[in-house]
Amino acid sequence: MIFIVTALMLEAAPIIDYFKLKKDMTIHPYSVYKGSDIALIVSGVGKLKSAMAQSFYIIYTVQGKMMF
């Protein structure tokens, strides 16, 4: 699986359109878009927000349920 993190929706929109990703409505803290073998998360601006979004998504997918 390919995992992409973007800071802003403006950056994410062309990727979402190109790969025809669909929004995952089960994940609420971040906007997550998924395809068959690709996932994209919009984290917000900054290294810390990017790291938090990545960590959240990895934990979410490993455990298979919402922690928060």
Foldseek 3Di string as FASTA:
>chain_A
DAEEEAADVVVVVVVCVVQVWDWDPQDPPWTWTDDPPYIYTHQHDDPVSRVVVVVLVVVCVVVVHHPD
